[in-house]
Amino acid sequence: MSSSQVWTAAALVVVLAWSTAMVVMGHAAALAGVLPSVGLLVQQAAPALTRRGTGPPSSGPATGQGNQEATLR
């Protein structure tokens, strides 16, 4: 697990623990304010924690067809 993955997981744990503590203490309104942030954090952390590749993501086109202009010549 890389350093960035460890920091991401630690941040996720801290945010979830804080929001849980606020709800347990009766601050239900705090939950409404933190849910979008938690959702975004989970959405970003899940791929980072499950990524298996070691190289950087490709910058090519998403269709996988490459440069169509070059193939037409």
PDB file of N, CA and C in Angstrom:
ATOM      1  N   MET A   1       0.860  -1.175   0.000  1.00  0.00           N
ATOM      2  CA  MET A   1       0.000   0.000   0.000  1.00  0.00           C
ATOM      3  C   MET A   1       0.900   1.231   0.000  1.00  0.00           C
ATOM      4  N   SER A   2       0.644   2.122  -0.940  1.00  0.00           N
ATOM      5  CA  SER A   2       1.492   3.305  -1.058  1.00  0.00           C
ATOM      6  C   SER A   2       1.151   4.331   0.031  1.00  0.00           C
ATOM      7  N   SER A   3       2.001   5.319   0.136  1.00  0.00           N
ATOM      8  CA  SER A   3       1.822   6.359   1.148  1.00  0.00           C
ATOM      9  C   SER A   3       0.522   7.135   0.934  1.00  0.00           C
ATOM     10  N   SER A   4       0.214   7.427  -0.327  1.00  0.00           N
ATOM     11  CA  SER A   4      -1.020   8.176  -0.596  1.00  0.00           C
ATOM     12  C   SER A   4      -2.258   7.351  -0.249  1.00  0.00           C
ATOM     13  N   GLN A   5      -2.187   6.060  -0.444  1.00  0.00           N
ATOM     14  CA  GLN A   5      -3.305   5.196  -0.085  1.00  0.00           C
ATOM     15  C   GLN A   5      -3.494   5.141   1.429  1.00  0.00           C
ATOM     16  N   VAL A   6      -2.395   5.129   2.153  1.00  0.00           N
ATOM     17  CA  VAL A   6      -2.477   5.121   3.618  1.00  0.00           C
ATOM     18  C   VAL A   6      -3.105   6.415   4.111  1.00  0.00           C
ATOM     19  N   TRP A   7      -2.674   7.559   3.544  1.00  0.00           N
ATOM     20  CA  TRP A   7      -3.244   8.843   3.958  1.00  0.00           C
ATOM     21  C   TRP A   7      -4.720   8.938   3.597  1.00  0.00           C
ATOM     22  N   THR A   8      -5.102   8.406   2.445  1.00  0.00           N
ATOM     23  CA  THR A   8      -6.504   8.416   2.035  1.00  0.00           C
ATOM     24  C   THR A   8      -7.352   7.593   2.982  1.00  0.00           C
ATOM     25  N   ALA A   9      -6.869   6.414   3.324  1.00  0.00           N
ATOM     26  CA  ALA A   9      -7.602   5.554   4.248  1.00  0.00           C
ATOM     27  C   ALA A   9      -7.693   6.195   5.632  1.00  0.00           C
ATOM     28  N   ALA A  10      -6.615   6.825   6.082  1.00  0.00           N
ATOM     29  CA  ALA A  10      -6.625   7.475   7.395  1.00  0.00           C
ATOM     30  C   ALA A  10      -7.613   8.638   7.420  1.00  0.00           C
ATOM     31  N   ALA A  11      -7.647   9.423   6.357  1.00  0.00           N
ATOM     32  CA  ALA A  11      -8.598  10.534   6.286  1.00  0.00           C
ATOM     33  C   ALA A  11     -10.032  10.024   6.280  1.00  0.00           C
ATOM     34  N   LEU A  12     -10.279   8.952   5.576  1.00  0.00           N
ATOM     35  CA  LEU A  12     -11.614   8.362   5.538  1.00  0.00           C
ATOM     36  C   LEU A  12     -12.040   7.907   6.934  1.00  0.00           C
ATOM     37  N   VAL A  13     -11.149   7.273   7.645  1.00  0.00           N
ATOM     38  CA  VAL A  13     -11.456   6.800   8.998  1.00  0.00           C
ATOM     39  C   VAL A  13     -11.739   7.967   9.934  1.00  0.00           C
ATOM     40  N   VAL A  14     -10.939   9.024   9.846  1.00  0.00           N
ATOM     41  CA  VAL A  14     -11.125  10.188  10.717  1.00  0.00           C
ATOM     42  C   VAL A  14     -12.465  10.858  10.448  1.00  0.00           C
ATOM     43  N   VAL A  15     -12.791  11.064   9.186  1.00  0.00           N
ATOM     44  CA  VAL A  15     -14.055  11.724   8.847  1.00  0.00           C
ATOM     45  C   VAL A  15     -15.244  10.880   9.275  1.00  0.00           C
ATOM     46  N   LEU A  16     -15.186   9.596   9.025  1.00  0.00           N
ATOM     47  CA  LEU A  16     -16.294   8.726   9.426  1.00  0.00           C
ATOM     48  C   LEU A  16     -16.432   8.653  10.948  1.00  0.00           C
ATOM     49  N   ALA A  17     -15.318   8.610  11.663  1.00  0.00           N
ATOM     50  CA  ALA A  17     -15.376   8.576  13.129  1.00  0.00           C
ATOM     51  C   ALA A  17     -15.947   9.879  13.678  1.00  0.00           C
ATOM     52  N   TRP A  18     -15.533  10.994  13.106  1.00  0.00           N
ATOM     53  CA  TRP A  18     -16.033  12.288  13.564  1.00  0.00           C
ATOM     54  C   TRP A  18     -17.532  12.408  13.327  1.00  0.00           C
ATOM     55  N   SER A  19     -17.989  12.045  12.143  1.00  0.00           N
ATOM     56  CA  SER A  19     -19.411  12.167  11.856  1.00  0.00           C
ATOM     57  C   SER A  19     -20.240  11.209  12.702  1.00  0.00           C
ATOM     58  N   THR A  20     -19.713  10.024  12.960  1.00  0.00           N
ATOM     59  CA  THR A  20     -20.416   9.070  13.830  1.00  0.00           C
ATOM     60  C   THR A  20     -20.519   9.616  15.243  1.00  0.00           C
ATOM     61  N   ALA A  21     -19.431  10.188  15.747  1.00  0.00           N
ATOM     62  CA  ALA A  21     -19.461  10.759  17.094  1.00  0.00           C
ATOM     63  C   ALA A  21     -20.465  11.904  17.191  1.00  0.00           C
ATOM     64  N   MET A  22     -20.518  12.746  16.158  1.00  0.00           N
ATOM     65  CA  MET A  22     -21.474  13.857  16.175  1.00  0.00           C
ATOM     66  C   MET A  22     -22.916  13.356  16.200  1.00  0.00           C
ATOM     67  N   VAL A  23     -23.206  12.336  15.435  1.00  0.00           N
ATOM     68  CA  VAL A  23     -24.568  11.788  15.403  1.00  0.00           C
ATOM     69  C   VAL A  23     -24.906  11.127  16.738  1.00  0.00           C
ATOM     70  N   VAL A  24     -23.961  10.397  17.317  1.00  0.00           N
ATOM     71  CA  VAL A  24     -24.193   9.746  18.614  1.00  0.00           C
ATOM     72  C   VAL A  24     -24.461  10.781  19.695  1.00  0.00           C
ATOM     73  N   MET A  25     -23.793  11.933  19.605  1.00  0.00           N
ATOM     74  CA  MET A  25     -23.994  12.984  20.605  1.00  0.00           C
ATOM     75  C   MET A  25     -25.267  13.788  20.359  1.00  0.00           C
ATOM     76  N   GLY A  26     -26.014  13.445  19.326  1.00  0.00           N
ATOM     77  CA  GLY A  26     -27.288  14.102  19.095  1.00  0.00           C
ATOM     78  C   GLY A  26     -27.261  15.230  18.096  1.00  0.00           C
ATOM     79  N   HIS A  27     -26.190  15.375  17.375  1.00  0.00           N
ATOM     80  CA  HIS A  27     -26.083  16.447  16.390  1.00  0.00           C
ATOM     81  C   HIS A  27     -26.443  15.903  15.005  1.00  0.00           C
ATOM     82  N   ALA A  28     -27.691  15.536  14.831  1.00  0.00           N
ATOM     83  CA  ALA A  28     -28.124  14.948  13.559  1.00  0.00           C
ATOM     84  C   ALA A  28     -27.977  15.934  12.407  1.00  0.00           C
ATOM     85  N   ALA A  29     -28.075  17.221  12.697  1.00  0.00           N
ATOM     86  CA  ALA A  29     -27.913  18.215  11.635  1.00  0.00           C
ATOM     87  C   ALA A  29     -26.494  18.187  11.072  1.00  0.00           C
ATOM     88  N   ALA A  30     -25.523  17.792  11.876  1.00  0.00           N
ATOM     89  CA  ALA A  30     -24.144  17.698  11.394  1.00  0.00           C
ATOM     90  C   ALA A  30     -24.011  16.611  10.338  1.00  0.00           C
ATOM     91  N   LEU A  31     -24.840  15.601  10.448  1.00  0.00           N
ATOM     92  CA  LEU A  31     -24.795  14.512   9.472  1.00  0.00           C
ATOM     93  C   LEU A  31     -25.189  15.006   8.087  1.00  0.00           C
ATOM     94  N   ALA A  32     -26.199  15.853   8.016  1.00  0.00           N
ATOM     95  CA  ALA A  32     -26.639  16.380   6.719  1.00  0.00           C
ATOM     96  C   ALA A  32     -25.554  17.220   6.056  1.00  0.00           C
ATOM     97  N   GLY A  33     -24.784  17.911   6.835  1.00  0.00           N
ATOM     98  CA  GLY A  33     -23.713  18.736   6.278  1.00  0.00           C
ATOM     99  C   GLY A  33     -22.500  17.947   5.865  1.00  0.00           C
ATOM    100  N   VAL A  34     -22.248  16.813   6.500  1.00  0.00           N
ATOM    101  CA  VAL A  34     -21.034  16.060   6.231  1.00  0.00           C
ATOM    102  C   VAL A  34     -21.260  14.944   5.205  1.00  0.00           C
ATOM    103  N   LEU A  35     -22.483  14.554   4.953  1.00  0.00           N
ATOM    104  CA  LEU A  35     -22.739  13.449   4.029  1.00  0.00           C
ATOM    105  C   LEU A  35     -22.176  13.679   2.623  1.00  0.00           C
ATOM    106  N   PRO A  36     -22.359  14.845   2.025  1.00  0.00           N
ATOM    107  CA  PRO A  36     -21.761  15.032   0.695  1.00  0.00           C
ATOM    108  C   PRO A  36     -20.239  14.884   0.704  1.00  0.00           C
ATOM    109  N   SER A  37     -19.596  15.368   1.737  1.00  0.00           N
ATOM    110  CA  SER A  37     -18.140  15.241   1.830  1.00  0.00           C
ATOM    111  C   SER A  37     -17.720  13.792   2.001  1.00  0.00           C
ATOM    112  N   VAL A  38     -18.436  13.070   2.822  1.00  0.00           N
ATOM    113  CA  VAL A  38     -18.123  11.659   3.042  1.00  0.00           C
ATOM    114  C   VAL A  38     -18.355  10.876   1.751  1.00  0.00           C
ATOM    115  N   GLY A  39     -19.449  11.178   1.068  1.00  0.00           N
ATOM    116  CA  GLY A  39     -19.723  10.496  -0.187  1.00  0.00           C
ATOM    117  C   GLY A  39     -18.628  10.727  -1.217  1.00  0.00           C
ATOM    118  N   LEU A  40     -18.168  11.953  -1.330  1.00  0.00           N
ATOM    119  CA  LEU A  40     -17.093  12.275  -2.258  1.00  0.00           C
ATOM    120  C   LEU A  40     -15.796  11.599  -1.854  1.00  0.00           C
ATOM    121  N   LEU A  41     -15.511  11.582  -0.564  1.00  0.00           N
ATOM    122  CA  LEU A  41     -14.296  10.940  -0.079  1.00  0.00           C
ATOM    123  C   LEU A  41     -14.311   9.442  -0.378  1.00  0.00           C
ATOM    124  N   VAL A  42     -15.442   8.803  -0.142  1.00  0.00           N
ATOM    125  CA  VAL A  42     -15.561   7.366  -0.434  1.00  0.00           C
ATOM    126  C   VAL A  42     -15.422   7.124  -1.925  1.00  0.00           C
ATOM    127  N   GLN A  43     -16.045   7.968  -2.734  1.00  0.00           N
ATOM    128  CA  GLN A  43     -15.986   7.815  -4.185  1.00  0.00           C
ATOM    129  C   GLN A  43     -14.549   7.938  -4.690  1.00  0.00           C
ATOM    130  N   GLN A  44     -13.768   8.801  -4.094  1.00  0.00           N
ATOM    131  CA  GLN A  44     -12.382   8.974  -4.517  1.00  0.00           C
ATOM    132  C   GLN A  44     -11.452   7.948  -3.888  1.00  0.00           C
ATOM    133  N   ALA A  45     -11.761   7.504  -2.689  1.00  0.00           N
ATOM    134  CA  ALA A  45     -10.873   6.578  -1.995  1.00  0.00           C
ATOM    135  C   ALA A  45     -11.006   5.159  -2.512  1.00  0.00           C
ATOM    136  N   ALA A  46     -12.187   4.755  -2.899  1.00  0.00           N
ATOM    137  CA  ALA A  46     -12.395   3.377  -3.334  1.00  0.00           C
ATOM    138  C   ALA A  46     -11.495   3.001  -4.508  1.00  0.00           C
ATOM    139  N   PRO A  47     -11.451   3.788  -5.580  1.00  0.00           N
ATOM    140  CA  PRO A  47     -10.543   3.407  -6.677  1.00  0.00           C
ATOM    141  C   PRO A  47      -9.071   3.471  -6.273  1.00  0.00           C
ATOM    142  N   ALA A  48      -8.715   4.415  -5.423  1.00  0.00           N
ATOM    143  CA  ALA A  48      -7.316   4.538  -4.998  1.00  0.00           C
ATOM    144  C   ALA A  48      -6.889   3.328  -4.176  1.00  0.00           C
ATOM    145  N   LEU A  49      -7.791   2.812  -3.378  1.00  0.00           N
ATOM    146  CA  LEU A  49      -7.450   1.671  -2.531  1.00  0.00           C
ATOM    147  C   LEU A  49      -7.501   0.348  -3.279  1.00  0.00           C
ATOM    148  N   THR A  50      -8.223   0.288  -4.384  1.00  0.00           N
ATOM    149  CA  THR A  50      -8.351  -0.963  -5.129  1.00  0.00           C
ATOM    150  C   THR A  50      -7.533  -0.982  -6.405  1.00  0.00           C
ATOM    151  N   ARG A  51      -6.812   0.095  -6.728  1.00  0.00           N
ATOM    152  CA  ARG A  51      -6.023   0.154  -7.964  1.00  0.00           C
ATOM    153  C   ARG A  51      -4.906  -0.867  -7.903  1.00  0.00           C
ATOM    154  N   ARG A  52      -4.793  -1.670  -8.960  1.00  0.00           N
ATOM    155  CA  ARG A  52      -3.788  -2.726  -8.999  1.00  0.00           C
ATOM    156  C   ARG A  52      -2.590  -2.368  -9.877  1.00  0.00           C
ATOM    157  N   GLY A  53      -2.779  -1.522 -10.883  1.00  0.00           N
ATOM    158  CA  GLY A  53      -1.702  -1.187 -11.812  1.00  0.00           C
ATOM    159  C   GLY A  53      -0.597  -0.402 -11.133  1.00  0.00           C
ATOM    160  N   THR A  54       0.605  -0.539 -11.670  1.00  0.00           N
ATOM    161  CA  THR A  54       1.724   0.182 -11.071  1.00  0.00           C
ATOM    162  C   THR A  54       2.098   1.420 -11.869  1.00  0.00           C
ATOM    163  N   GLY A  55       1.673   1.485 -13.128  1.00  0.00           N
ATOM    164  CA  GLY A  55       2.028   2.618 -13.968  1.00  0.00           C
ATOM    165  C   GLY A  55       1.003   3.727 -13.860  1.00  0.00           C
ATOM    166  N   PRO A  56       1.342   4.872 -14.436  1.00  0.00           N
ATOM    167  CA  PRO A  56       0.387   5.987 -14.430  1.00  0.00           C
ATOM    168  C   PRO A  56      -0.770   5.675 -15.369  1.00  0.00           C
ATOM    169  N   PRO A  57      -1.919   6.300 -15.157  1.00  0.00           N
ATOM    170  CA  PRO A  57      -3.046   6.061 -16.049  1.00  0.00           C
ATOM    171  C   PRO A  57      -2.717   6.545 -17.460  1.00  0.00           C
ATOM    172  N   SER A  58      -3.268   5.854 -18.437  1.00  0.00           N
ATOM    173  CA  SER A  58      -2.981   6.226 -19.820  1.00  0.00           C
ATOM    174  C   SER A  58      -3.653   7.549 -20.164  1.00  0.00           C
ATOM    175  N   SER A  59      -3.021   8.294 -21.044  1.00  0.00           N
ATOM    176  CA  SER A  59      -3.587   9.576 -21.436  1.00  0.00           C
ATOM    177  C   SER A  59      -4.198   9.497 -22.829  1.00  0.00           C
ATOM    178  N   GLY A  60      -4.310   8.293 -23.362  1.00  0.00           N
ATOM    179  CA  GLY A  60      -4.868   8.107 -24.698  1.00  0.00           C
ATOM    180  C   GLY A  60      -6.378   8.252 -24.694  1.00  0.00           C
ATOM    181  N   PRO A  61      -6.977   8.161 -25.876  1.00  0.00           N
ATOM    182  CA  PRO A  61      -8.429   8.292 -25.959  1.00  0.00           C
ATOM    183  C   PRO A  61      -9.132   7.128 -25.285  1.00  0.00           C
ATOM    184  N   ALA A  62     -10.313   7.407 -24.771  1.00  0.00           N
ATOM    185  CA  ALA A  62     -11.064   6.396 -24.041  1.00  0.00           C
ATOM    186  C   ALA A  62     -11.598   5.307 -24.965  1.00  0.00           C
ATOM    187  N   THR A  63     -11.708   5.574 -26.253  1.00  0.00           N
ATOM    188  CA  THR A  63     -12.270   4.591 -27.180  1.00  0.00           C
ATOM    189  C   THR A  63     -11.285   3.493 -27.510  1.00  0.00           C
ATOM    190  N   GLY A  64     -10.005   3.732 -27.299  1.00  0.00           N
ATOM    191  CA  GLY A  64      -9.005   2.722 -27.582  1.00  0.00           C
ATOM    192  C   GLY A  64      -8.673   2.615 -29.059  1.00  0.00           C
ATOM    193  N   GLN A  65      -9.125   3.532 -29.889  1.00  0.00           N
ATOM    194  CA  GLN A  65      -8.877   3.463 -31.316  1.00  0.00           C
ATOM    195  C   GLN A  65      -7.638   4.232 -31.733  1.00  0.00           C
ATOM    196  N   GLY A  66      -7.028   4.942 -30.835  1.00  0.00           N
ATOM    197  CA  GLY A  66      -5.814   5.675 -31.147  1.00  0.00           C
ATOM    198  C   GLY A  66      -6.089   6.884 -32.018  1.00  0.00           C
ATOM    199  N   ASN A  67      -5.081   7.329 -32.735  1.00  0.00           N
ATOM    200  CA  ASN A  67      -5.194   8.490 -33.589  1.00  0.00           C
ATOM    201  C   ASN A  67      -5.817   8.070 -34.922  1.00  0.00           C
ATOM    202  N   GLN A  68      -7.061   8.395 -35.128  1.00  0.00           N
ATOM    203  CA  GLN A  68      -7.757   7.966 -36.334  1.00  0.00           C
ATOM    204  C   GLN A  68      -7.216   8.669 -37.564  1.00  0.00           C
ATOM    205  N   GLU A  69      -6.704   9.872 -37.429  1.00  0.00           N
ATOM    206  CA  GLU A  69      -6.163  10.613 -38.560  1.00  0.00           C
ATOM    207  C   GLU A  69      -4.947   9.892 -39.128  1.00  0.00           C
ATOM    208  N   ALA A  70      -4.112   9.365 -38.275  1.00  0.00           N
ATOM    209  CA  ALA A  70      -2.915   8.658 -38.723  1.00  0.00           C
ATOM    210  C   ALA A  70      -3.248   7.331 -39.382  1.00  0.00           C
ATOM    211  N   THR A  71      -4.329   6.681 -38.929  1.00  0.00           N
ATOM    212  CA  THR A  71      -4.687   5.382 -39.492  1.00  0.00           C
ATOM    213  C   THR A  71      -5.380   5.516 -40.836  1.00  0.00           C
ATOM    214  N   LEU A  72      -5.929   6.695 -41.142  1.00  0.00           N
ATOM    215  CA  LEU A  72      -6.627   6.896 -42.404  1.00  0.00           C
ATOM    216  C   LEU A  72      -5.674   7.168 -43.565  1.00  0.00           C
ATOM    217  N   ARG A  73      -4.455   7.540 -43.290  1.00  0.00           N
ATOM    218  CA  ARG A  73      -3.495   7.880 -44.350  1.00  0.00           C
ATOM    219  C   ARG A  73      -2.915   6.667 -44.985  1.00  0.00           C
TER     220      ARG A  73
END
